[in-house]
Structures are given as structure tokens and as C-alpha cells.
Amino acid sequence: MLQFLGDYEVTLDAKGRFLLPSALKKELTGETAGQFVVNKGMEPCLTLWPKQSWDPVYTRLNSLNDFEPKVRYFKYMFLDGVQAVDTDTAGRILLNKALIDYAQLDKDLILKASGDKIQIWDKNVFRKFIESLSQAAETYSELARDVMGNAVAGMSQTPLK
């Protein structure tokens, strides 16, 4: 199972490409190592899914009941603008203009590790997003308690829902 860690600053070139950092490439193995899927994130960012992480999500998505309106609406949103991408011989990933526009990507990007996937943020948009979170009514410690419950490292606890 992939477990990406860290944040990486990269540059988006005029053609819409960025270089995947070697630290992230090292985590990728197997015949699908350079294959990805990109979709719109829930926040104003993109999500870069290694193929091996995307496949189970897509399988789960396809198993949902299309006769349920919420399922269809979620699929429309989740799959809107989705793009399969491969790294080129230089290790770069090319994003299409629609996705670049959605995430307001300019030149300076942050690749934010997020478990088995990577978020792609415009550096300035990300900083503003983090500032808005820190100004929210909940403090970081309250948010941690609500999400993680009373979990102690190494012990399984159920978070509040």
C-alpha cells in the first residue's frame, strides 16, 4: 500500500507540465509506476492518483447504484474532467487546461502527500486555504479530537462521526 509523505514545491511550465519529485517516484513500483489519474479535488486543488490507488476507488464507484440520484450526482462531480496521465521520459506530468483552470494553478505548485494519493495545489491558493482553516471556529486540537477520537498511537479507536 502506498503511503506518500511530505510536501514538495514544483514548477508548472508553460505547456502545463511539472516534474514529479524523485522522492515520490521512489514510492511507485511495478508496471504501473508511471501511470496516474488526475481529477478535481474536493478543495480547489487536483488529486493525482497512482493507477494502483485509483483502480480500487474506480471499482467501488462503479459498484454503486446508478438508480440513486445522489450516486449519479457524485459520479458526475468526481469524474468531471478526469484525465489519465503518464510520466514522460523526463519524469514530467502534463495537465490539461481545464484541470489547471479549475485548481487555479499558476507557476508555483505544492504537491501535498495525502496517503495513497497526491494533492496538486497552487502555492498561493494553498496558503490562503490553510489560513482560512486556521481562522475557523474550531481549534486544531478540537478538530483532532473530533476526527481521531481518543486514539493513542498504535491503538485502534473509532472517531466521532
C-alpha atoms as a PDB file:
ATOM      1  CA  MET A   1       0.000   0.000   0.000  1.00  0.00           C
ATOM      2  CA  LEU A   2       1.296   3.430  -0.944  1.00  0.00           C
ATOM      3  CA  GLN A   3       1.924   5.924   1.832  1.00  0.00           C
ATOM      4  CA  PHE A   4       3.237   9.182   0.450  1.00  0.00           C
ATOM      5  CA  LEU A   5       4.670  11.669   2.939  1.00  0.00           C
ATOM      6  CA  GLY A   6       5.683  15.309   2.701  1.00  0.00           C
ATOM      7  CA  ASP A   7       5.104  18.439   0.684  1.00  0.00           C
ATOM      8  CA  TYR A   8       7.073  19.269  -2.450  1.00  0.00           C
ATOM      9  CA  GLU A   9       7.396  22.541  -4.304  1.00  0.00           C
ATOM     10  CA  VAL A  10       7.471  22.184  -8.083  1.00  0.00           C
ATOM     11  CA  THR A  11       7.066  24.477 -11.062  1.00  0.00           C
ATOM     12  CA  LEU A  12       4.390  24.278 -13.740  1.00  0.00           C
ATOM     13  CA  ASP A  13       5.864  25.112 -17.139  1.00  0.00           C
ATOM     14  CA  ALA A  14       4.158  26.992 -19.980  1.00  0.00           C
ATOM     15  CA  LYS A  15       2.960  23.691 -21.506  1.00  0.00           C
ATOM     16  CA  GLY A  16       1.227  22.594 -18.275  1.00  0.00           C
ATOM     17  CA  ARG A  17       3.891  20.099 -17.135  1.00  0.00           C
ATOM     18  CA  PHE A  18       5.591  19.597 -13.793  1.00  0.00           C
ATOM     19  CA  LEU A  19       8.369  17.280 -12.716  1.00  0.00           C
ATOM     20  CA  LEU A  20       7.379  14.542 -10.284  1.00  0.00           C
ATOM     21  CA  PRO A  21       9.940  14.697  -7.421  1.00  0.00           C
ATOM     22  CA  SER A  22      12.255  11.704  -7.121  1.00  0.00           C
ATOM     23  CA  ALA A  23      11.177  11.116  -3.501  1.00  0.00           C
ATOM     24  CA  LEU A  24       7.637  10.454  -4.725  1.00  0.00           C
ATOM     25  CA  LYS A  25       8.796   8.390  -7.702  1.00  0.00           C
ATOM     26  CA  LYS A  26      10.714   6.092  -5.321  1.00  0.00           C
ATOM     27  CA  GLU A  27       7.429   5.081  -3.704  1.00  0.00           C
ATOM     28  CA  LEU A  28       5.996   3.883  -7.020  1.00  0.00           C
ATOM     29  CA  THR A  29       6.725   0.320  -8.101  1.00  0.00           C
ATOM     30  CA  GLY A  30       5.550  -2.228 -10.611  1.00  0.00           C
ATOM     31  CA  GLU A  31       4.449  -1.975 -14.202  1.00  0.00           C
ATOM     32  CA  THR A  32       2.014   0.901 -13.497  1.00  0.00           C
ATOM     33  CA  ALA A  33       4.632   3.052 -11.708  1.00  0.00           C
ATOM     34  CA  GLY A  34       4.411   5.966 -14.165  1.00  0.00           C
ATOM     35  CA  GLN A  35       0.653   5.790 -14.733  1.00  0.00           C
ATOM     36  CA  PHE A  36      -1.708   8.179 -12.969  1.00  0.00           C
ATOM     37  CA  VAL A  37      -5.235   9.520 -12.999  1.00  0.00           C
ATOM     38  CA  VAL A  38      -5.939  13.171 -12.182  1.00  0.00           C
ATOM     39  CA  ASN A  39      -9.292  14.512 -11.036  1.00  0.00           C
ATOM     40  CA  LYS A  40     -10.683  17.617  -9.398  1.00  0.00           C
ATOM     41  CA  GLY A  41     -10.158  17.663  -5.654  1.00  0.00           C
ATOM     42  CA  MET A  42     -12.842  18.383  -3.087  1.00  0.00           C
ATOM     43  CA  GLU A  43     -10.991  21.613  -2.301  1.00  0.00           C
ATOM     44  CA  PRO A  44      -9.611  23.951  -5.004  1.00  0.00           C
ATOM     45  CA  CYS A  45      -6.868  21.521  -5.994  1.00  0.00           C
ATOM     46  CA  LEU A  46      -6.310  18.439  -8.111  1.00  0.00           C
ATOM     47  CA  THR A  47      -5.789  14.877  -6.929  1.00  0.00           C
ATOM     48  CA  LEU A  48      -3.073  12.799  -8.551  1.00  0.00           C
ATOM     49  CA  TRP A  49      -3.869   9.116  -8.108  1.00  0.00           C
ATOM     50  CA  PRO A  50      -1.262   6.462  -8.907  1.00  0.00           C
ATOM     51  CA  LYS A  51      -3.040   3.889 -11.066  1.00  0.00           C
ATOM     52  CA  GLN A  52      -2.741   1.271  -8.331  1.00  0.00           C
ATOM     53  CA  SER A  53      -4.593   3.610  -5.906  1.00  0.00           C
ATOM     54  CA  TRP A  54      -7.178   4.732  -8.448  1.00  0.00           C
ATOM     55  CA  ASP A  55      -8.273   1.265  -9.596  1.00  0.00           C
ATOM     56  CA  PRO A  56      -9.960   0.182  -6.317  1.00  0.00           C
ATOM     57  CA  VAL A  57     -11.663   3.584  -5.984  1.00  0.00           C
ATOM     58  CA  TYR A  58     -12.975   3.367  -9.539  1.00  0.00           C
ATOM     59  CA  THR A  59     -14.136  -0.214  -8.985  1.00  0.00           C
ATOM     60  CA  ARG A  60     -16.014   0.878  -5.851  1.00  0.00           C
ATOM     61  CA  LEU A  61     -17.516   3.835  -7.708  1.00  0.00           C
ATOM     62  CA  ASN A  62     -18.773   1.543 -10.480  1.00  0.00           C
ATOM     63  CA  SER A  63     -20.371  -0.788  -7.959  1.00  0.00           C
ATOM     64  CA  LEU A  64     -22.676   1.961  -6.682  1.00  0.00           C
ATOM     65  CA  ASN A  65     -26.354   2.033  -7.688  1.00  0.00           C
ATOM     66  CA  ASP A  66     -26.838   4.441 -10.612  1.00  0.00           C
ATOM     67  CA  PHE A  67     -30.576   4.478  -9.897  1.00  0.00           C
ATOM     68  CA  GLU A  68     -29.850   6.601  -6.813  1.00  0.00           C
ATOM     69  CA  PRO A  69     -29.720  10.314  -7.748  1.00  0.00           C
ATOM     70  CA  LYS A  70     -27.018  11.117  -5.144  1.00  0.00           C
ATOM     71  CA  VAL A  71     -24.811   8.399  -6.625  1.00  0.00           C
ATOM     72  CA  ARG A  72     -25.179   9.815 -10.126  1.00  0.00           C
ATOM     73  CA  TYR A  73     -24.539  13.385  -8.937  1.00  0.00           C
ATOM     74  CA  PHE A  74     -21.457  12.319  -7.013  1.00  0.00           C
ATOM     75  CA  LYS A  75     -20.148  10.438 -10.053  1.00  0.00           C
ATOM     76  CA  TYR A  76     -20.708  13.496 -12.250  1.00  0.00           C
ATOM     77  CA  MET A  77     -18.712  15.650  -9.869  1.00  0.00           C
ATOM     78  CA  PHE A  78     -15.991  13.128  -9.048  1.00  0.00           C
ATOM     79  CA  LEU A  79     -15.368  12.138 -12.668  1.00  0.00           C
ATOM     80  CA  ASP A  80     -15.778  15.605 -14.200  1.00  0.00           C
ATOM     81  CA  GLY A  81     -12.576  16.362 -16.091  1.00  0.00           C
ATOM     82  CA  VAL A  82     -10.825  13.162 -15.003  1.00  0.00           C
ATOM     83  CA  GLN A  83      -7.674  12.516 -17.038  1.00  0.00           C
ATOM     84  CA  ALA A  84      -5.329   9.546 -17.383  1.00  0.00           C
ATOM     85  CA  VAL A  85      -1.699  10.700 -17.476  1.00  0.00           C
ATOM     86  CA  ASP A  86       1.703   9.057 -17.733  1.00  0.00           C
ATOM     87  CA  THR A  87       5.068  10.483 -16.841  1.00  0.00           C
ATOM     88  CA  ASP A  88       7.104  11.346 -19.910  1.00  0.00           C
ATOM     89  CA  THR A  89      10.730  10.263 -20.416  1.00  0.00           C
ATOM     90  CA  ALA A  90      11.882  13.230 -18.285  1.00  0.00           C
ATOM     91  CA  GLY A  91       9.527  12.278 -15.424  1.00  0.00           C
ATOM     92  CA  ARG A  92       7.068  15.123 -16.076  1.00  0.00           C
ATOM     93  CA  ILE A  93       3.283  15.011 -15.873  1.00  0.00           C
ATOM     94  CA  LEU A  94       1.152  17.002 -18.329  1.00  0.00           C
ATOM     95  CA  LEU A  95      -2.110  18.513 -17.061  1.00  0.00           C
ATOM     96  CA  ASN A  96      -4.877  19.698 -19.353  1.00  0.00           C
ATOM     97  CA  LYS A  97      -6.042  23.315 -19.352  1.00  0.00           C
ATOM     98  CA  ALA A  98      -9.469  22.592 -17.850  1.00  0.00           C
ATOM     99  CA  LEU A  99      -7.897  20.996 -14.763  1.00  0.00           C
ATOM    100  CA  ILE A 100      -5.279  23.755 -14.498  1.00  0.00           C
ATOM    101  CA  ASP A 101      -8.060  26.355 -14.598  1.00  0.00           C
ATOM    102  CA  TYR A 102     -10.212  24.502 -12.025  1.00  0.00           C
ATOM    103  CA  ALA A 103      -7.386  24.420  -9.462  1.00  0.00           C
ATOM    104  CA  GLN A 104      -6.247  27.964 -10.338  1.00  0.00           C
ATOM    105  CA  LEU A 105      -2.741  26.637 -10.972  1.00  0.00           C
ATOM    106  CA  ASP A 106      -0.180  29.248 -11.894  1.00  0.00           C
ATOM    107  CA  LYS A 107       3.562  28.621 -11.869  1.00  0.00           C
ATOM    108  CA  ASP A 108       4.461  27.639  -8.300  1.00  0.00           C
ATOM    109  CA  LEU A 109       2.817  24.433  -7.104  1.00  0.00           C
ATOM    110  CA  ILE A 110       2.773  22.373  -3.944  1.00  0.00           C
ATOM    111  CA  LEU A 111       2.450  18.611  -4.213  1.00  0.00           C
ATOM    112  CA  LYS A 112       0.929  17.537  -0.915  1.00  0.00           C
ATOM    113  CA  ALA A 113       1.183  13.893   0.010  1.00  0.00           C
ATOM    114  CA  SER A 114      -2.184  12.561   1.121  1.00  0.00           C
ATOM    115  CA  GLY A 115      -1.875   8.876   1.962  1.00  0.00           C
ATOM    116  CA  ASP A 116      -2.038   6.887  -1.267  1.00  0.00           C
ATOM    117  CA  LYS A 117      -2.554   9.962  -3.457  1.00  0.00           C
ATOM    118  CA  ILE A 118      -1.058  13.409  -4.009  1.00  0.00           C
ATOM    119  CA  GLN A 119      -2.865  16.739  -3.995  1.00  0.00           C
ATOM    120  CA  ILE A 120      -1.726  19.362  -6.518  1.00  0.00           C
ATOM    121  CA  TRP A 121      -2.182  22.918  -5.237  1.00  0.00           C
ATOM    122  CA  ASP A 122      -1.262  26.348  -6.487  1.00  0.00           C
ATOM    123  CA  LYS A 123       1.131  27.610  -3.812  1.00  0.00           C
ATOM    124  CA  ASN A 124      -0.786  30.845  -3.157  1.00  0.00           C
ATOM    125  CA  VAL A 125      -4.210  29.168  -3.183  1.00  0.00           C
ATOM    126  CA  PHE A 126      -2.919  26.575  -0.694  1.00  0.00           C
ATOM    127  CA  ARG A 127      -1.542  29.208   1.688  1.00  0.00           C
ATOM    128  CA  LYS A 128      -4.881  31.085   1.630  1.00  0.00           C
ATOM    129  CA  PHE A 129      -6.757  27.820   2.173  1.00  0.00           C
ATOM    130  CA  ILE A 130      -4.631  26.953   5.219  1.00  0.00           C
ATOM    131  CA  GLU A 131      -5.096  30.479   6.608  1.00  0.00           C
ATOM    132  CA  SER A 132      -8.869  30.136   6.252  1.00  0.00           C
ATOM    133  CA  LEU A 133      -8.766  26.824   8.138  1.00  0.00           C
ATOM    134  CA  SER A 134      -6.761  28.326  10.972  1.00  0.00           C
ATOM    135  CA  GLN A 135      -9.369  31.094  11.306  1.00  0.00           C
ATOM    136  CA  ALA A 136     -12.216  28.602  11.587  1.00  0.00           C
ATOM    137  CA  ALA A 137     -14.138  28.360  14.851  1.00  0.00           C
ATOM    138  CA  GLU A 138     -12.598  25.016  15.811  1.00  0.00           C
ATOM    139  CA  THR A 139      -9.067  24.835  17.046  1.00  0.00           C
ATOM    140  CA  TYR A 140      -6.669  22.298  15.637  1.00  0.00           C
ATOM    141  CA  SER A 141      -6.780  20.255  18.861  1.00  0.00           C
ATOM    142  CA  GLU A 142     -10.609  20.210  18.871  1.00  0.00           C
ATOM    143  CA  LEU A 143     -10.627  19.096  15.267  1.00  0.00           C
ATOM    144  CA  ALA A 144      -8.098  16.340  16.054  1.00  0.00           C
ATOM    145  CA  ARG A 145     -10.211  15.115  18.964  1.00  0.00           C
ATOM    146  CA  ASP A 146     -13.386  15.071  16.862  1.00  0.00           C
ATOM    147  CA  VAL A 147     -11.779  13.279  13.940  1.00  0.00           C
ATOM    148  CA  MET A 148      -9.388  10.932  15.718  1.00  0.00           C
ATOM    149  CA  GLY A 149     -11.298  10.376  18.954  1.00  0.00           C
ATOM    150  CA  ASN A 150      -9.164   9.449  21.924  1.00  0.00           C
ATOM    151  CA  ALA A 151      -6.853   7.334  19.798  1.00  0.00           C
ATOM    152  CA  VAL A 152      -3.454   6.591  21.209  1.00  0.00           C
ATOM    153  CA  ALA A 153      -0.635   5.759  18.811  1.00  0.00           C
ATOM    154  CA  GLY A 154      -0.862   2.100  17.881  1.00  0.00           C
ATOM    155  CA  MET A 155      -4.339   1.598  19.335  1.00  0.00           C
ATOM    156  CA  SER A 156      -7.494   1.361  17.257  1.00  0.00           C
ATOM    157  CA  GLN A 157     -10.223   3.799  18.323  1.00  0.00           C
ATOM    158  CA  THR A 158     -13.367   4.841  16.478  1.00  0.00           C
ATOM    159  CA  PRO A 159     -13.532   8.593  15.762  1.00  0.00           C
ATOM    160  CA  LEU A 160     -16.673  10.621  16.270  1.00  0.00           C
ATOM    161  CA  LYS A 161     -18.937  10.851  13.232  1.00  0.00           C
END
